[in-house]
């Protein structure tokens, strides 16, 4: 019976060591799975960051184009304003000349009328 307990003791040590080894391997497997998940999550985050950077760059290019377009519109509006002012001043000069001619004609007509009345 003594040998049985001795062999049982050895067997129980071996069993305990084997169980601990299995637990260690299971724990390593769980750590490995979590490491793989973390690697996938990190890769996804990197992809998202790259997409965001690309979107930001595209948006900055579009904003630059819009700013250039706004500047072009401003300069075009200034040119139109200057053209209108130039045209209106020329038009006013022409109108003033036309009005002056009409005034001279009216004066001549008044002068003739007054001469006729005197006669």
PDB file of N, CA and C in Angstrom:
ATOM      1  N   UNK A   1       0.822  -1.174   0.000  1.00  0.00           N
ATOM      2  CA  UNK A   1       0.000   0.000   0.000  1.00  0.00           C
ATOM      3  C   UNK A   1       0.874   1.249   0.000  1.00  0.00           C
ATOM      4  N   UNK A   2       2.030   1.116   0.599  1.00  0.00           N
ATOM      5  CA  UNK A   2       2.911   2.255   0.651  1.00  0.00           C
ATOM      6  C   UNK A   2       3.368   2.659  -0.748  1.00  0.00           C
ATOM      7  N   UNK A   3       3.592   1.671  -1.575  1.00  0.00           N
ATOM      8  CA  UNK A   3       4.022   1.945  -2.942  1.00  0.00           C
ATOM      9  C   UNK A   3       2.901   2.622  -3.725  1.00  0.00           C
ATOM     10  N   UNK A   4       1.700   2.238  -3.429  1.00  0.00           N
ATOM     11  CA  UNK A   4       0.564   2.845  -4.119  1.00  0.00           C
ATOM     12  C   UNK A   4       0.492   4.338  -3.819  1.00  0.00           C
ATOM     13  N   UNK A   5       0.659   4.669  -2.516  1.00  0.00           N
ATOM     14  CA  UNK A   5       0.612   6.088  -2.161  1.00  0.00           C
ATOM     15  C   UNK A   5       1.792   6.857  -2.742  1.00  0.00           C
ATOM     16  N   UNK A   6       2.956   6.203  -2.791  1.00  0.00           N
ATOM     17  CA  UNK A   6       4.103   6.855  -3.399  1.00  0.00           C
ATOM     18  C   UNK A   6       3.867   7.078  -4.882  1.00  0.00           C
ATOM     19  N   UNK A   7       3.358   6.062  -5.547  1.00  0.00           N
ATOM     20  CA  UNK A   7       3.086   6.222  -6.982  1.00  0.00           C
ATOM     21  C   UNK A   7       1.928   7.203  -7.185  1.00  0.00           C
ATOM     22  N   UNK A   8       0.968   7.198  -6.297  1.00  0.00           N
ATOM     23  CA  UNK A   8      -0.131   8.153  -6.376  1.00  0.00           C
ATOM     24  C   UNK A   8       0.386   9.567  -6.171  1.00  0.00           C
ATOM     25  N   UNK A   9       1.338   9.706  -5.259  1.00  0.00           N
ATOM     26  CA  UNK A   9       1.923  11.008  -5.016  1.00  0.00           C
ATOM     27  C   UNK A   9       2.653  11.494  -6.266  1.00  0.00           C
ATOM     28  N   UNK A  10       3.422  10.631  -6.876  1.00  0.00           N
ATOM     29  CA  UNK A  10       4.131  10.981  -8.107  1.00  0.00           C
ATOM     30  C   UNK A  10       3.115  11.266  -9.208  1.00  0.00           C
ATOM     31  N   UNK A  11       2.100  10.411  -9.259  1.00  0.00           N
ATOM     32  CA  UNK A  11       1.075  10.607 -10.275  1.00  0.00           C
ATOM     33  C   UNK A  11       0.329  11.924 -10.054  1.00  0.00           C
ATOM     34  N   UNK A  12       0.067  12.259  -8.811  1.00  0.00           N
ATOM     35  CA  UNK A  12      -0.639  13.491  -8.527  1.00  0.00           C
ATOM     36  C   UNK A  12       0.248  14.703  -8.847  1.00  0.00           C
ATOM     37  N   UNK A  13       1.570  14.585  -8.631  1.00  0.00           N
ATOM     38  CA  UNK A  13       2.474  15.660  -9.012  1.00  0.00           C
ATOM     39  C   UNK A  13       2.478  15.822 -10.539  1.00  0.00           C
ATOM     40  N   UNK A  14       2.535  14.678 -11.211  1.00  0.00           N
ATOM     41  CA  UNK A  14       2.546  14.718 -12.667  1.00  0.00           C
ATOM     42  C   UNK A  14       1.235  15.296 -13.199  1.00  0.00           C
ATOM     43  N   UNK A  15       0.125  14.906 -12.595  1.00  0.00           N
ATOM     44  CA  UNK A  15      -1.176  15.405 -13.012  1.00  0.00           C
ATOM     45  C   UNK A  15      -1.268  16.900 -12.774  1.00  0.00           C
ATOM     46  N   UNK A  16      -0.807  17.312 -11.617  1.00  0.00           N
ATOM     47  CA  UNK A  16      -0.862  18.740 -11.314  1.00  0.00           C
ATOM     48  C   UNK A  16       0.023  19.520 -12.280  1.00  0.00           C
ATOM     49  N   UNK A  17       1.199  19.040 -12.553  1.00  0.00           N
ATOM     50  CA  UNK A  17       2.095  19.705 -13.504  1.00  0.00           C
ATOM     51  C   UNK A  17       1.473  19.725 -14.891  1.00  0.00           C
ATOM     52  N   UNK A  18       0.858  18.625 -15.287  1.00  0.00           N
ATOM     53  CA  UNK A  18       0.220  18.554 -16.600  1.00  0.00           C
ATOM     54  C   UNK A  18      -0.962  19.531 -16.692  1.00  0.00           C
ATOM     55  N   UNK A  19      -1.745  19.599 -15.624  1.00  0.00           N
ATOM     56  CA  UNK A  19      -2.880  20.522 -15.600  1.00  0.00           C
ATOM     57  C   UNK A  19      -2.377  21.968 -15.671  1.00  0.00           C
ATOM     58  N   UNK A  20      -1.319  22.269 -14.928  1.00  0.00           N
ATOM     59  CA  UNK A  20      -0.754  23.610 -14.971  1.00  0.00           C
ATOM     60  C   UNK A  20      -0.191  23.927 -16.363  1.00  0.00           C
ATOM     61  N   UNK A  21       0.418  22.930 -17.000  1.00  0.00           N
ATOM     62  CA  UNK A  21       0.930  23.138 -18.347  1.00  0.00           C
ATOM     63  C   UNK A  21      -0.214  23.416 -19.324  1.00  0.00           C
ATOM     64  N   UNK A  22      -1.299  22.680 -19.197  1.00  0.00           N
ATOM     65  CA  UNK A  22      -2.468  22.892 -20.061  1.00  0.00           C
ATOM     66  C   UNK A  22      -3.054  24.295 -19.802  1.00  0.00           C
ATOM     67  N   UNK A  23      -3.137  24.686 -18.532  1.00  0.00           N
ATOM     68  CA  UNK A  23      -3.639  26.033 -18.212  1.00  0.00           C
ATOM     69  C   UNK A  23      -2.733  27.099 -18.807  1.00  0.00           C
ATOM     70  N   UNK A  24      -1.425  26.884 -18.716  1.00  0.00           N
ATOM     71  CA  UNK A  24      -0.478  27.830 -19.285  1.00  0.00           C
ATOM     72  C   UNK A  24      -0.646  27.939 -20.797  1.00  0.00           C
ATOM     73  N   UNK A  25      -0.793  26.801 -21.462  1.00  0.00           N
ATOM     74  CA  UNK A  25      -0.996  26.819 -22.911  1.00  0.00           C
ATOM     75  C   UNK A  25      -2.320  27.496 -23.274  1.00  0.00           C
ATOM     76  N   UNK A  26      -3.364  27.237 -22.498  1.00  0.00           N
ATOM     77  CA  UNK A  26      -4.654  27.880 -22.752  1.00  0.00           C
ATOM     78  C   UNK A  26      -4.545  29.391 -22.559  1.00  0.00           C
ATOM     79  N   UNK A  27      -3.850  29.791 -21.522  1.00  0.00           N
ATOM     80  CA  UNK A  27      -3.656  31.215 -21.273  1.00  0.00           C
ATOM     81  C   UNK A  27      -2.840  31.865 -22.390  1.00  0.00           C
ATOM     82  N   UNK A  28      -1.805  31.175 -22.865  1.00  0.00           N
ATOM     83  CA  UNK A  28      -1.031  31.687 -23.994  1.00  0.00           C
ATOM     84  C   UNK A  28      -1.898  31.807 -25.256  1.00  0.00           C
ATOM     85  N   UNK A  29      -2.768  30.844 -25.474  1.00  0.00           N
ATOM     86  CA  UNK A  29      -3.667  30.883 -26.632  1.00  0.00           C
ATOM     87  C   UNK A  29      -4.629  32.073 -26.536  1.00  0.00           C
ATOM     88  N   UNK A  30      -5.157  32.320 -25.340  1.00  0.00           N
ATOM     89  CA  UNK A  30      -6.051  33.463 -25.138  1.00  0.00           C
ATOM     90  C   UNK A  30      -5.297  34.770 -25.388  1.00  0.00           C
ATOM     91  N   UNK A  31      -4.065  34.859 -24.876  1.00  0.00           N
ATOM     92  CA  UNK A  31      -3.256  36.056 -25.127  1.00  0.00           C
ATOM     93  C   UNK A  31      -2.979  36.234 -26.621  1.00  0.00           C
ATOM     94  N   UNK A  32      -2.694  35.135 -27.301  1.00  0.00           N
ATOM     95  CA  UNK A  32      -2.440  35.196 -28.742  1.00  0.00           C
ATOM     96  C   UNK A  32      -3.673  35.699 -29.497  1.00  0.00           C
ATOM     97  N   UNK A  33      -4.848  35.178 -29.124  1.00  0.00           N
ATOM     98  CA  UNK A  33      -6.080  35.635 -29.785  1.00  0.00           C
ATOM     99  C   UNK A  33      -6.311  37.124 -29.549  1.00  0.00           C
ATOM    100  N   UNK A  34      -6.111  37.564 -28.316  1.00  0.00           N
ATOM    101  CA  UNK A  34      -6.282  38.992 -28.027  1.00  0.00           C
ATOM    102  C   UNK A  34      -5.256  39.849 -28.774  1.00  0.00           C
ATOM    103  N   UNK A  35      -4.034  39.333 -28.899  1.00  0.00           N
ATOM    104  CA  UNK A  35      -3.013  40.067 -29.644  1.00  0.00           C
ATOM    105  C   UNK A  35      -3.419  40.187 -31.114  1.00  0.00           C
ATOM    106  N   UNK A  36      -3.952  39.126 -31.680  1.00  0.00           N
ATOM    107  CA  UNK A  36      -4.410  39.168 -33.073  1.00  0.00           C
ATOM    108  C   UNK A  36      -5.561  40.162 -33.233  1.00  0.00           C
ATOM    109  N   UNK A  37      -6.507  40.157 -32.287  1.00  0.00           N
ATOM    110  CA  UNK A  37      -7.615  41.121 -32.347  1.00  0.00           C
ATOM    111  C   UNK A  37      -7.082  42.542 -32.270  1.00  0.00           C
ATOM    112  N   UNK A  38      -6.137  42.758 -31.380  1.00  0.00           N
ATOM    113  CA  UNK A  38      -5.553  44.090 -31.226  1.00  0.00           C
ATOM    114  C   UNK A  38      -4.822  44.510 -32.497  1.00  0.00           C
ATOM    115  N   UNK A  39      -4.163  43.589 -33.133  1.00  0.00           N
ATOM    116  CA  UNK A  39      -3.472  43.883 -34.383  1.00  0.00           C
ATOM    117  C   UNK A  39      -4.471  44.275 -35.471  1.00  0.00           C
ATOM    118  N   UNK A  40      -5.583  43.566 -35.557  1.00  0.00           N
ATOM    119  CA  UNK A  40      -6.620  43.882 -36.546  1.00  0.00           C
ATOM    120  C   UNK A  40      -7.237  45.244 -36.250  1.00  0.00           C
ATOM    121  N   UNK A  41      -7.511  45.504 -34.970  1.00  0.00           N
ATOM    122  CA  UNK A  41      -8.098  46.795 -34.583  1.00  0.00           C
ATOM    123  C   UNK A  41      -7.132  47.936 -34.919  1.00  0.00           C
ATOM    124  N   UNK A  42      -5.852  47.715 -34.628  1.00  0.00           N
ATOM    125  CA  UNK A  42      -4.846  48.741 -34.927  1.00  0.00           C
ATOM    126  C   UNK A  42      -4.762  48.991 -36.425  1.00  0.00           C
ATOM    127  N   UNK A  43      -4.801  47.927 -37.211  1.00  0.00           N
ATOM    128  CA  UNK A  43      -4.758  48.075 -38.668  1.00  0.00           C
ATOM    129  C   UNK A  43      -5.981  48.836 -39.168  1.00  0.00           C
ATOM    130  N   UNK A  44      -7.141  48.536 -38.607  1.00  0.00           N
ATOM    131  CA  UNK A  44      -8.362  49.261 -38.987  1.00  0.00           C
ATOM    132  C   UNK A  44      -8.255  50.744 -38.635  1.00  0.00           C
ATOM    133  N   UNK A  45      -7.709  51.042 -37.457  1.00  0.00           N
ATOM    134  CA  UNK A  45      -7.540  52.439 -37.049  1.00  0.00           C
ATOM    135  C   UNK A  45      -6.571  53.164 -37.979  1.00  0.00           C
ATOM    136  N   UNK A  46      -5.513  52.473 -38.387  1.00  0.00           N
ATOM    137  CA  UNK A  46      -4.553  53.070 -39.318  1.00  0.00           C
ATOM    138  C   UNK A  46      -5.238  53.358 -40.653  1.00  0.00           C
ATOM    139  N   UNK A  47      -6.064  52.420 -41.120  1.00  0.00           N
ATOM    140  CA  UNK A  47      -6.786  52.628 -42.382  1.00  0.00           C
ATOM    141  C   UNK A  47      -7.750  53.807 -42.271  1.00  0.00           C
ATOM    142  N   UNK A  48      -8.431  53.896 -41.140  1.00  0.00           N
ATOM    143  CA  UNK A  48      -9.361  55.011 -40.936  1.00  0.00           C
ATOM    144  C   UNK A  48      -8.604  56.336 -40.908  1.00  0.00           C
ATOM    145  N   UNK A  49      -7.460  56.364 -40.227  1.00  0.00           N
ATOM    146  CA  UNK A  49      -6.655  57.583 -40.173  1.00  0.00           C
ATOM    147  C   UNK A  49      -6.163  57.979 -41.558  1.00  0.00           C
ATOM    148  N   UNK A  50      -5.765  56.991 -42.354  1.00  0.00           N
ATOM    149  CA  UNK A  50      -5.313  57.294 -43.711  1.00  0.00           C
ATOM    150  C   UNK A  50      -6.467  57.846 -44.549  1.00  0.00           C
ATOM    151  N   UNK A  51      -7.653  57.264 -44.411  1.00  0.00           N
ATOM    152  CA  UNK A  51      -8.824  57.768 -45.133  1.00  0.00           C
ATOM    153  C   UNK A  51      -9.147  59.193 -44.703  1.00  0.00           C
ATOM    154  N   UNK A  52      -9.068  59.448 -43.397  1.00  0.00           N
ATOM    155  CA  UNK A  52      -9.323  60.799 -42.901  1.00  0.00           C
ATOM    156  C   UNK A  52      -8.294  61.794 -43.435  1.00  0.00           C
ATOM    157  N   UNK A  53      -7.035  61.389 -43.466  1.00  0.00           N
ATOM    158  CA  UNK A  53      -5.998  62.272 -43.999  1.00  0.00           C
ATOM    159  C   UNK A  53      -6.243  62.573 -45.474  1.00  0.00           C
ATOM    160  N   UNK A  54      -6.638  61.558 -46.231  1.00  0.00           N
ATOM    161  CA  UNK A  54      -6.939  61.771 -47.646  1.00  0.00           C
ATOM    162  C   UNK A  54      -8.127  62.715 -47.804  1.00  0.00           C
ATOM    163  N   UNK A  55      -9.150  62.509 -46.993  1.00  0.00           N
ATOM    164  CA  UNK A  55     -10.322  63.385 -47.058  1.00  0.00           C
ATOM    165  C   UNK A  55      -9.955  64.820 -46.687  1.00  0.00           C
ATOM    166  N   UNK A  56      -9.133  64.973 -45.669  1.00  0.00           N
ATOM    167  CA  UNK A  56      -8.706  66.313 -45.253  1.00  0.00           C
ATOM    168  C   UNK A  56      -7.911  66.983 -46.373  1.00  0.00           C
ATOM    169  N   UNK A  57      -7.026  66.221 -47.011  1.00  0.00           N
ATOM    170  CA  UNK A  57      -6.246  66.787 -48.109  1.00  0.00           C
ATOM    171  C   UNK A  57      -7.146  67.180 -49.279  1.00  0.00           C
ATOM    172  N   UNK A  58      -8.114  66.328 -49.611  1.00  0.00           N
ATOM    173  CA  UNK A  58      -9.043  66.653 -50.691  1.00  0.00           C
ATOM    174  C   UNK A  58      -9.853  67.900 -50.342  1.00  0.00           C
ATOM    175  N   UNK A  59     -10.299  67.983 -49.096  1.00  0.00           N
ATOM    176  CA  UNK A  59     -11.078  69.146 -48.670  1.00  0.00           C
ATOM    177  C   UNK A  59     -10.228  70.417 -48.707  1.00  0.00           C
ATOM    178  N   UNK A  60      -8.974  70.318 -48.310  1.00  0.00           N
ATOM    179  CA  UNK A  60      -8.122  71.510 -48.347  1.00  0.00           C
ATOM    180  C   UNK A  60      -7.889  71.956 -49.785  1.00  0.00           C
ATOM    181  N   UNK A  61      -7.766  71.005 -50.710  1.00  0.00           N
ATOM    182  CA  UNK A  61      -7.620  71.368 -52.122  1.00  0.00           C
ATOM    183  C   UNK A  61      -8.896  72.047 -52.615  1.00  0.00           C
ATOM    184  N   UNK A  62     -10.038  71.496 -52.230  1.00  0.00           N
ATOM    185  CA  UNK A  62     -11.311  72.102 -52.644  1.00  0.00           C
ATOM    186  C   UNK A  62     -11.485  73.495 -52.042  1.00  0.00           C
ATOM    187  N   UNK A  63     -11.085  73.662 -50.796  1.00  0.00           N
ATOM    188  CA  UNK A  63     -11.180  74.978 -50.152  1.00  0.00           C
ATOM    189  C   UNK A  63     -10.272  75.969 -50.869  1.00  0.00           C
ATOM    190  N   UNK A  64      -9.085  75.531 -51.251  1.00  0.00           N
ATOM    191  CA  UNK A  64      -8.175  76.403 -51.991  1.00  0.00           C
ATOM    192  C   UNK A  64      -8.778  76.804 -53.330  1.00  0.00           C
ATOM    193  N   UNK A  65      -9.401  75.828 -54.016  1.00  0.00           N
ATOM    194  CA  UNK A  65     -10.054  76.143 -55.293  1.00  0.00           C
ATOM    195  C   UNK A  65     -11.190  77.133 -55.093  1.00  0.00           C
ATOM    196  N   UNK A  66     -11.963  76.936 -54.031  1.00  0.00           N
ATOM    197  CA  UNK A  66     -13.054  77.869 -53.744  1.00  0.00           C
ATOM    198  C   UNK A  66     -12.525  79.269 -53.446  1.00  0.00           C
ATOM    199  N   UNK A  67     -11.447  79.341 -52.687  1.00  0.00           N
ATOM    200  CA  UNK A  67     -10.862  80.649 -52.374  1.00  0.00           C
ATOM    201  C   UNK A  67     -10.384  81.335 -53.654  1.00  0.00           C
ATOM    202  N   UNK A  68      -9.751  80.557 -54.532  1.00  0.00           N
ATOM    203  CA  UNK A  68      -9.312  81.132 -55.808  1.00  0.00           C
ATOM    204  C   UNK A  68     -10.503  81.583 -56.644  1.00  0.00           C
ATOM    205  N   UNK A  69     -11.539  80.792 -56.635  1.00  0.00           N
ATOM    206  CA  UNK A  69     -12.745  81.151 -57.382  1.00  0.00           C
ATOM    207  C   UNK A  69     -13.375  82.423 -56.820  1.00  0.00           C
ATOM    208  N   UNK A  70     -13.409  82.542 -55.510  1.00  0.00           N
ATOM    209  CA  UNK A  70     -13.957  83.747 -54.872  1.00  0.00           C
ATOM    210  C   UNK A  70     -13.114  84.959 -55.243  1.00  0.00           C
ATOM    211  N   UNK A  71     -11.787  84.809 -55.219  1.00  0.00           N
ATOM    212  CA  UNK A  71     -10.920  85.921 -55.614  1.00  0.00           C
ATOM    213  C   UNK A  71     -11.156  86.312 -57.070  1.00  0.00           C
ATOM    214  N   UNK A  72     -11.314  85.323 -57.933  1.00  0.00           N
ATOM    215  CA  UNK A  72     -11.589  85.593 -59.335  1.00  0.00           C
ATOM    216  C   UNK A  72     -12.917  86.330 -59.491  1.00  0.00           C
ATOM    217  N   UNK A  73     -13.927  85.896 -58.725  1.00  0.00           N
ATOM    218  CA  UNK A  73     -15.227  86.571 -58.769  1.00  0.00           C
ATOM    219  C   UNK A  73     -15.122  88.016 -58.285  1.00  0.00           C
ATOM    220  N   UNK A  74     -14.328  88.229 -57.224  1.00  0.00           N
ATOM    221  CA  UNK A  74     -14.138  89.593 -56.721  1.00  0.00           C
ATOM    222  C   UNK A  74     -13.500  90.478 -57.782  1.00  0.00           C
ATOM    223  N   UNK A  75     -12.459  89.955 -58.412  1.00  0.00           N
ATOM    224  CA  UNK A  75     -11.785  90.768 -59.427  1.00  0.00           C
ATOM    225  C   UNK A  75     -12.707  91.016 -60.616  1.00  0.00           C
ATOM    226  N   UNK A  76     -13.511  90.029 -60.977  1.00  0.00           N
ATOM    227  CA  UNK A  76     -14.469  90.209 -62.077  1.00  0.00           C
ATOM    228  C   UNK A  76     -15.511  91.255 -61.705  1.00  0.00           C
ATOM    229  N   UNK A  77     -15.997  91.214 -60.488  1.00  0.00           N
ATOM    230  CA  UNK A  77     -16.969  92.212 -60.043  1.00  0.00           C
ATOM    231  C   UNK A  77     -16.355  93.612 -60.044  1.00  0.00           C
ATOM    232  N   UNK A  78     -15.107  93.717 -59.636  1.00  0.00           N
ATOM    233  CA  UNK A  78     -14.433  95.018 -59.668  1.00  0.00           C
ATOM    234  C   UNK A  78     -14.323  95.523 -61.102  1.00  0.00           C
ATOM    235  N   UNK A  79     -13.976  94.622 -62.021  1.00  0.00           N
ATOM    236  CA  UNK A  79     -13.879  95.028 -63.429  1.00  0.00           C
ATOM    237  C   UNK A  79     -15.239  95.460 -63.961  1.00  0.00           C
ATOM    238  N   UNK A  80     -16.278  94.733 -63.601  1.00  0.00           N
ATOM    239  CA  UNK A  80     -17.626  95.097 -64.040  1.00  0.00           C
ATOM    240  C   UNK A  80     -18.015  96.448 -63.456  1.00  0.00           C
ATOM    241  N   UNK A  81     -17.709  96.653 -62.192  1.00  0.00           N
ATOM    242  CA  UNK A  81     -18.027  97.927 -61.544  1.00  0.00           C
ATOM    243  C   UNK A  81     -17.305  99.077 -62.243  1.00  0.00           C
ATOM    244  N   UNK A  82     -16.018  98.874 -62.533  1.00  0.00           N
ATOM    245  CA  UNK A  82     -15.252  99.903 -63.221  1.00  0.00           C
ATOM    246  C   UNK A  82     -15.807 100.163 -64.620  1.00  0.00           C
ATOM    247  N   UNK A  83     -16.197  99.096 -65.299  1.00  0.00           N
ATOM    248  CA  UNK A  83     -16.769  99.250 -66.642  1.00  0.00           C
ATOM    249  C   UNK A  83     -18.077 100.023 -66.585  1.00  0.00           C
ATOM    250  N   UNK A  84     -18.903  99.710 -65.604  1.00  0.00           N
ATOM    251  CA  UNK A  84     -20.187 100.419 -65.455  1.00  0.00           C
ATOM    252  C   UNK A  84     -19.937 101.883 -65.154  1.00  0.00           C
ATOM    253  N   UNK A  85     -18.995 102.172 -64.265  1.00  0.00           N
ATOM    254  CA  UNK A  85     -18.685 103.564 -63.932  1.00  0.00           C
ATOM    255  C   UNK A  85     -18.162 104.306 -65.156  1.00  0.00           C
ATOM    256  N   UNK A  86     -17.293 103.647 -65.919  1.00  0.00           N
ATOM    257  CA  UNK A  86     -16.746 104.266 -67.125  1.00  0.00           C
ATOM    258  C   UNK A  86     -17.848 104.507 -68.147  1.00  0.00           C
ATOM    259  N   UNK A  87     -18.696 103.509 -68.324  1.00  0.00           N
ATOM    260  CA  UNK A  87     -19.794 103.633 -69.279  1.00  0.00           C
ATOM    261  C   UNK A  87     -20.778 104.715 -68.855  1.00  0.00           C
ATOM    262  N   UNK A  88     -21.074 104.746 -67.563  1.00  0.00           N
ATOM    263  CA  UNK A  88     -22.034 105.744 -67.093  1.00  0.00           C
ATOM    264  C   UNK A  88     -21.451 107.146 -67.213  1.00  0.00           C
ATOM    265  N   UNK A  89     -20.159 107.306 -66.952  1.00  0.00           N
ATOM    266  CA  UNK A  89     -19.561 108.638 -67.096  1.00  0.00           C
ATOM    267  C   UNK A  89     -19.532 109.045 -68.567  1.00  0.00           C
ATOM    268  N   UNK A  90     -19.252 108.101 -69.455  1.00  0.00           N
ATOM    269  CA  UNK A  90     -19.280 108.405 -70.884  1.00  0.00           C
ATOM    270  C   UNK A  90     -20.711 108.700 -71.322  1.00  0.00           C
ATOM    271  N   UNK A  91     -21.617 107.918 -70.822  1.00  0.00           N
ATOM    272  CA  UNK A  91     -23.019 108.114 -71.165  1.00  0.00           C
ATOM    273  C   UNK A  91     -23.501 109.459 -70.660  1.00  0.00           C
ATOM    274  N   UNK A  92     -23.079 109.823 -69.449  1.00  0.00           N
ATOM    275  CA  UNK A  92     -23.470 111.116 -68.897  1.00  0.00           C
ATOM    276  C   UNK A  92     -22.868 112.240 -69.725  1.00  0.00           C
ATOM    277  N   UNK A  93     -21.649 112.079 -70.175  1.00  0.00           N
ATOM    278  CA  UNK A  93     -21.027 113.107 -71.008  1.00  0.00           C
ATOM    279  C   UNK A  93     -21.814 113.268 -72.302  1.00  0.00           C
ATOM    280  N   UNK A  94     -22.194 112.140 -72.906  1.00  0.00           N
ATOM    281  CA  UNK A  94     -22.988 112.194 -74.134  1.00  0.00           C
ATOM    282  C   UNK A  94     -24.341 112.826 -73.860  1.00  0.00           C
ATOM    283  N   UNK A  95     -24.941 112.467 -72.765  1.00  0.00           N
ATOM    284  CA  UNK A  95     -26.245 113.016 -72.418  1.00  0.00           C
ATOM    285  C   UNK A  95     -26.146 114.517 -72.135  1.00  0.00           C
ATOM    286  N   UNK A  96     -25.072 114.912 -71.476  1.00  0.00           N
ATOM    287  CA  UNK A  96     -24.891 116.328 -71.173  1.00  0.00           C
ATOM    288  C   UNK A  96     -24.725 117.116 -72.476  1.00  0.00           C
ATOM    289  N   UNK A  97     -23.956 116.550 -73.406  1.00  0.00           N
ATOM    290  CA  UNK A  97     -23.798 117.222 -74.701  1.00  0.00           C
ATOM    291  C   UNK A  97     -25.137 117.322 -75.426  1.00  0.00           C
ATOM    292  N   UNK A  98     -25.903 116.258 -75.375  1.00  0.00           N
ATOM    293  CA  UNK A  98     -27.219 116.263 -76.027  1.00  0.00           C
ATOM    294  C   UNK A  98     -28.146 117.295 -75.375  1.00  0.00           C
ATOM    295  N   UNK A  99     -28.109 117.356 -74.059  1.00  0.00           N
ATOM    296  CA  UNK A  99     -28.943 118.332 -73.338  1.00  0.00           C
ATOM    297  C   UNK A  99     -28.486 119.750 -73.664  1.00  0.00           C
ATOM    298  N   UNK A 100     -27.181 119.956 -73.721  1.00  0.00           N
ATOM    299  CA  UNK A 100     -26.661 121.287 -74.070  1.00  0.00           C
ATOM    300  C   UNK A 100     -27.106 121.702 -75.471  1.00  0.00           C
ATOM    301  N   UNK A 101     -27.074 120.789 -76.411  1.00  0.00           N
ATOM    302  CA  UNK A 101     -27.535 121.095 -77.773  1.00  0.00           C
ATOM    303  C   UNK A 101     -29.011 121.462 -77.762  1.00  0.00           C
ATOM    304  N   UNK A 102     -29.777 120.672 -76.986  1.00  0.00           N
ATOM    305  CA  UNK A 102     -31.213 120.967 -76.899  1.00  0.00           C
ATOM    306  C   UNK A 102     -31.462 122.342 -76.270  1.00  0.00           C
ATOM    307  N   UNK A 103     -30.672 122.684 -75.276  1.00  0.00           N
ATOM    308  CA  UNK A 103     -30.819 123.991 -74.628  1.00  0.00           C
ATOM    309  C   UNK A 103     -30.476 125.096 -75.628  1.00  0.00           C
ATOM    310  N   UNK A 104     -29.441 124.901 -76.396  1.00  0.00           N
ATOM    311  CA  UNK A 104     -29.073 125.888 -77.405  1.00  0.00           C
ATOM    312  C   UNK A 104     -30.185 126.047 -78.448  1.00  0.00           C
ATOM    313  N   UNK A 105     -30.768 124.918 -78.855  1.00  0.00           N
ATOM    314  CA  UNK A 105     -31.867 124.973 -79.814  1.00  0.00           C
ATOM    315  C   UNK A 105     -33.070 125.708 -79.217  1.00  0.00           C
ATOM    316  N   UNK A 106     -33.328 125.429 -77.960  1.00  0.00           N
ATOM    317  CA  UNK A 106     -34.453 126.108 -77.302  1.00  0.00           C
ATOM    318  C   UNK A 106     -34.168 127.605 -77.205  1.00  0.00           C
ATOM    319  N   UNK A 107     -32.938 127.941 -76.870  1.00  0.00           N
ATOM    320  CA  UNK A 107     -32.561 129.348 -76.796  1.00  0.00           C
ATOM    321  C   UNK A 107     -32.714 130.031 -78.157  1.00  0.00           C
ATOM    322  N   UNK A 108     -32.295 129.355 -79.183  1.00  0.00           N
ATOM    323  CA  UNK A 108     -32.434 129.921 -80.528  1.00  0.00           C
ATOM    324  C   UNK A 108     -33.911 130.118 -80.879  1.00  0.00           C
ATOM    325  N   UNK A 109     -34.676 129.096 -80.541  1.00  0.00           N
ATOM    326  CA  UNK A 109     -36.114 129.189 -80.816  1.00  0.00           C
ATOM    327  C   UNK A 109     -36.759 130.328 -80.020  1.00  0.00           C
ATOM    328  N   UNK A 110     -36.357 130.477 -78.770  1.00  0.00           N
ATOM    329  CA  UNK A 110     -36.885 131.565 -77.948  1.00  0.00           C
ATOM    330  C   UNK A 110     -36.472 132.924 -78.519  1.00  0.00           C
ATOM    331  N   UNK A 111     -35.268 132.970 -78.968  1.00  0.00           N
ATOM    332  CA  UNK A 111     -34.794 134.218 -79.553  1.00  0.00           C
ATOM    333  C   UNK A 111     -35.598 134.552 -80.816  1.00  0.00           C
ATOM    334  N   UNK A 112     -35.825 133.605 -81.639  1.00  0.00           N
ATOM    335  CA  UNK A 112     -36.635 133.816 -82.844  1.00  0.00           C
ATOM    336  C   UNK A 112     -38.056 134.225 -82.488  1.00  0.00           C
ATOM    337  N   UNK A 113     -38.593 133.525 -81.491  1.00  0.00           N
ATOM    338  CA  UNK A 113     -39.960 133.841 -81.079  1.00  0.00           C
ATOM    339  C   UNK A 113     -40.047 135.274 -80.550  1.00  0.00           C
ATOM    340  N   UNK A 114     -39.071 135.630 -79.740  1.00  0.00           N
ATOM    341  CA  UNK A 114     -39.095 136.989 -79.197  1.00  0.00           C
ATOM    342  C   UNK A 114     -38.924 138.029 -80.331  1.00  0.00           C
ATOM    343  N   UNK A 115     -38.145 137.736 -81.337  1.00  0.00           N
ATOM    344  CA  UNK A 115     -37.991 138.644 -82.472  1.00  0.00           C
ATOM    345  C   UNK A 115     -39.286 138.746 -83.272  1.00  0.00           C
ATOM    346  N   UNK A 116     -39.920 137.615 -83.407  1.00  0.00           N
ATOM    347  CA  UNK A 116     -41.184 137.619 -84.149  1.00  0.00           C
ATOM    348  C   UNK A 116     -42.246 138.396 -83.367  1.00  0.00           C
ATOM    349  N   UNK A 117     -42.206 138.236 -82.068  1.00  0.00           N
ATOM    350  CA  UNK A 117     -43.182 138.954 -81.251  1.00  0.00           C
ATOM    351  C   UNK A 117     -42.897 140.463 -81.357  1.00  0.00           C
ATOM    352  N   UNK A 118     -41.700 140.830 -81.356  1.00  0.00           N
ATOM    353  CA  UNK A 118     -41.349 142.234 -81.459  1.00  0.00           C
ATOM    354  C   UNK A 118     -41.776 142.801 -82.827  1.00  0.00           C
ATOM    355  N   UNK A 119     -41.670 142.002 -83.816  1.00  0.00           N
ATOM    356  CA  UNK A 119     -42.030 142.451 -85.161  1.00  0.00           C
ATOM    357  C   UNK A 119     -43.524 142.495 -85.269  1.00  0.00           C
TER     358      UNK A 119
END
